[in-house]
C-alpha atoms as a PDB file:
ATOM      1  CA  MET A   1      -0.234   0.082  -0.180  1.00  0.00           C
ATOM      2  CA  ALA A   2       2.138   2.714  -1.305  1.00  0.00           C
ATOM      3  CA  GLY A   3       1.777   6.075   0.251  1.00  0.00           C
ATOM      4  CA  ILE A   4      -0.312   4.837   3.239  1.00  0.00           C
ATOM      5  CA  GLU A   5       1.215   4.277   6.391  1.00  0.00           C
ATOM      6  CA  ILE A   6      -0.903   2.130   9.018  1.00  0.00           C
ATOM      7  CA  ASP A   7      -0.391   0.265  12.214  1.00  0.00           C
ATOM      8  CA  ASP A   8       0.541  -3.235  12.191  1.00  0.00           C
ATOM      9  CA  THR A   9      -2.692  -4.147  13.709  1.00  0.00           C
ATOM     10  CA  THR A  10      -4.731  -2.203  11.632  1.00  0.00           C
ATOM     11  CA  ARG A  11      -2.937  -3.602   8.603  1.00  0.00           C
ATOM     12  CA  ASP A  12      -3.260  -7.421  10.219  1.00  0.00           C
ATOM     13  CA  ALA A  13      -7.051  -6.630  10.573  1.00  0.00           C
ATOM     14  CA  LEU A  14      -7.672  -5.618   7.231  1.00  0.00           C
ATOM     15  CA  GLN A  15      -5.366  -8.496   5.365  1.00  0.00           C
ATOM     16  CA  SER A  16      -7.793 -10.926   7.661  1.00  0.00           C
ATOM     17  CA  LEU A  17     -10.373  -9.488   6.185  1.00  0.00           C
ATOM     18  CA  ALA A  18      -9.126  -9.450   2.336  1.00  0.00           C
ATOM     19  CA  ASP A  19      -8.178 -13.108   3.153  1.00  0.00           C
ATOM     20  CA  ALA A  20     -11.565 -14.034   4.139  1.00  0.00           C
ATOM     21  CA  ALA A  21     -12.713 -12.480   0.840  1.00  0.00           C
ATOM     22  CA  GLY A  22     -10.385 -13.998  -1.080  1.00  0.00           C
ATOM     23  CA  LEU A  23      -8.877 -10.925  -2.436  1.00  0.00           C
ATOM     24  CA  PRO A  24      -5.648  -9.292  -2.222  1.00  0.00           C
ATOM     25  CA  LEU A  25      -5.777  -6.524   0.075  1.00  0.00           C
ATOM     26  CA  ASP A  26      -5.641  -3.607  -2.610  1.00  0.00           C
ATOM     27  CA  GLY A  27      -8.276  -5.320  -4.436  1.00  0.00           C
ATOM     28  CA  TYR A  28     -10.508  -5.704  -1.140  1.00  0.00           C
ATOM     29  CA  LEU A  29      -9.748  -1.852  -0.141  1.00  0.00           C
ATOM     30  CA  ALA A  30     -10.979  -0.921  -3.603  1.00  0.00           C
ATOM     31  CA  GLN A  31     -13.988  -3.067  -3.119  1.00  0.00           C
ATOM     32  CA  VAL A  32     -14.722  -1.481   0.190  1.00  0.00           C
ATOM     33  CA  ALA A  33     -14.068   2.104  -0.985  1.00  0.00           C
ATOM     34  CA  ASP A  34     -16.872   1.396  -4.034  1.00  0.00           C
ATOM     35  CA  GLU A  35     -19.122  -0.106  -1.218  1.00  0.00           C
ATOM     36  CA  LYS A  36     -18.639   3.399   0.749  1.00  0.00           C
ATOM     37  CA  ARG A  37     -19.286   5.581  -2.312  1.00  0.00           C
ATOM     38  CA  ARG A  38     -22.478   3.257  -3.304  1.00  0.00           C
ATOM     39  CA  GLU A  39     -23.700   3.648   0.449  1.00  0.00           C
ATOM     40  CA  ARG A  40     -23.082   7.459   0.473  1.00  0.00           C
ATOM     41  CA  ALA A  41     -24.866   8.093  -2.961  1.00  0.00           C
ATOM     42  CA  LEU A  42     -27.661   6.041  -1.375  1.00  0.00           C
ATOM     43  CA  ALA A  43     -27.925   7.969   1.744  1.00  0.00           C
ATOM     44  CA  ASP A  44     -27.880  11.254  -0.525  1.00  0.00           C
ATOM     45  CA  GLY A  45     -30.377  10.135  -2.665  1.00  0.00           C
ATOM     46  CA  ALA A  46     -32.494   9.114   0.540  1.00  0.00           C
ATOM     47  CA  GLU A  47     -32.171  12.594   2.022  1.00  0.00           C
ATOM     48  CA  ILE A  48     -33.123  14.095  -1.189  1.00  0.00           C
ATOM     49  CA  PHE A  49     -36.108  12.164  -1.554  1.00  0.00           C
ATOM     50  CA  ARG A  50     -37.426  12.844   1.909  1.00  0.00           C
ATOM     51  CA  ARG A  51     -36.769  16.633   1.466  1.00  0.00           C
ATOM     52  CA  VAL A  52     -38.743  16.424  -2.028  1.00  0.00           C
ATOM     53  CA  THR A  53     -41.787  14.404  -1.035  1.00  0.00           C
ATOM     54  CA  GLY A  54     -41.982  16.133   2.264  1.00  0.00           C
ATOM     55  CA  ASP A  55     -42.828  19.423   0.586  1.00  0.00           C
ATOM     56  CA  PRO A  56     -46.375  19.588  -0.318  1.00  0.00           C
ATOM     57  CA  ASP A  57     -45.922  21.759  -3.089  1.00  0.00           C
ATOM     58  CA  THR A  58     -43.460  19.521  -4.813  1.00  0.00           C
ATOM     59  CA  VAL A  59     -46.098  16.571  -4.193  1.00  0.00           C
ATOM     60  CA  ALA A  60     -49.076  18.809  -5.427  1.00  0.00           C
ATOM     61  CA  ALA A  61     -46.902  19.581  -8.620  1.00  0.00           C
ATOM     62  CA  PHE A  62     -46.092  16.265  -9.348  1.00  0.00           C
ATOM     63  CA  ASP A  63     -49.600  15.018  -8.806  1.00  0.00           C
ATOM     64  CA  ALA A  64     -50.708  17.438 -11.188  1.00  0.00           C
ATOM     65  CA  GLU A  65     -48.367  16.491 -13.902  1.00  0.00           C
ATOM     66  CA  TYR A  66     -48.518  12.802 -13.448  1.00  0.00           C
ATOM     67  CA  GLY A  67     -51.627  12.048 -11.618  1.00  0.00           C
ATOM     68  CA  GLY A  68     -52.121  11.451  -7.903  1.00  0.00           C
ATOM     69  CA  PRO A  69     -52.322   8.052  -6.280  1.00  0.00           C
ATOM     70  CA  ALA A  70     -55.920   6.321  -6.874  1.00  0.00           C
ATOM     71  CA  GLN A  71     -58.038   6.282  -3.911  1.00  0.00           C
ATOM     72  CA  ALA A  72     -58.776   3.081  -2.358  1.00  0.00           C
ATOM     73  CA  GLU A  73     -62.676   2.354  -1.744  1.00  0.00           C
ATOM     74  CA  HIS A  74     -63.107   1.504   1.611  1.00  0.00           C
ATOM     75  CA  ALA A  75     -65.744  -0.982   2.562  1.00  0.00           C
ATOM     76  CA  PRO A  76     -67.053  -1.297   5.922  1.00  0.00           C
ATOM     77  CA  ARG A  77     -65.721  -3.747   8.340  1.00  0.00           C
ATOM     78  CA  ALA A  78     -67.459  -5.624  10.761  1.00  0.00           C
ATOM     79  CA  ALA A  79     -66.166  -5.342  14.257  1.00  0.00           C
END
């Protein structure tokens, strides 16, 4: 791992994880980095989704453009 200094305990732990995954250490770290990028993108997308769907004006504009959800008919139920 050129250019990166980590303590032996951390390196051994990472190497153990890489070995368990059947990957060389650099390949394992690249995979972890990709997974973390995907997690960050998903979290960012989820935050944007919450913000947009939490805005009544945005929801109303979407419904006006594409149609809102169909209203379900409710049948009376016996208790």
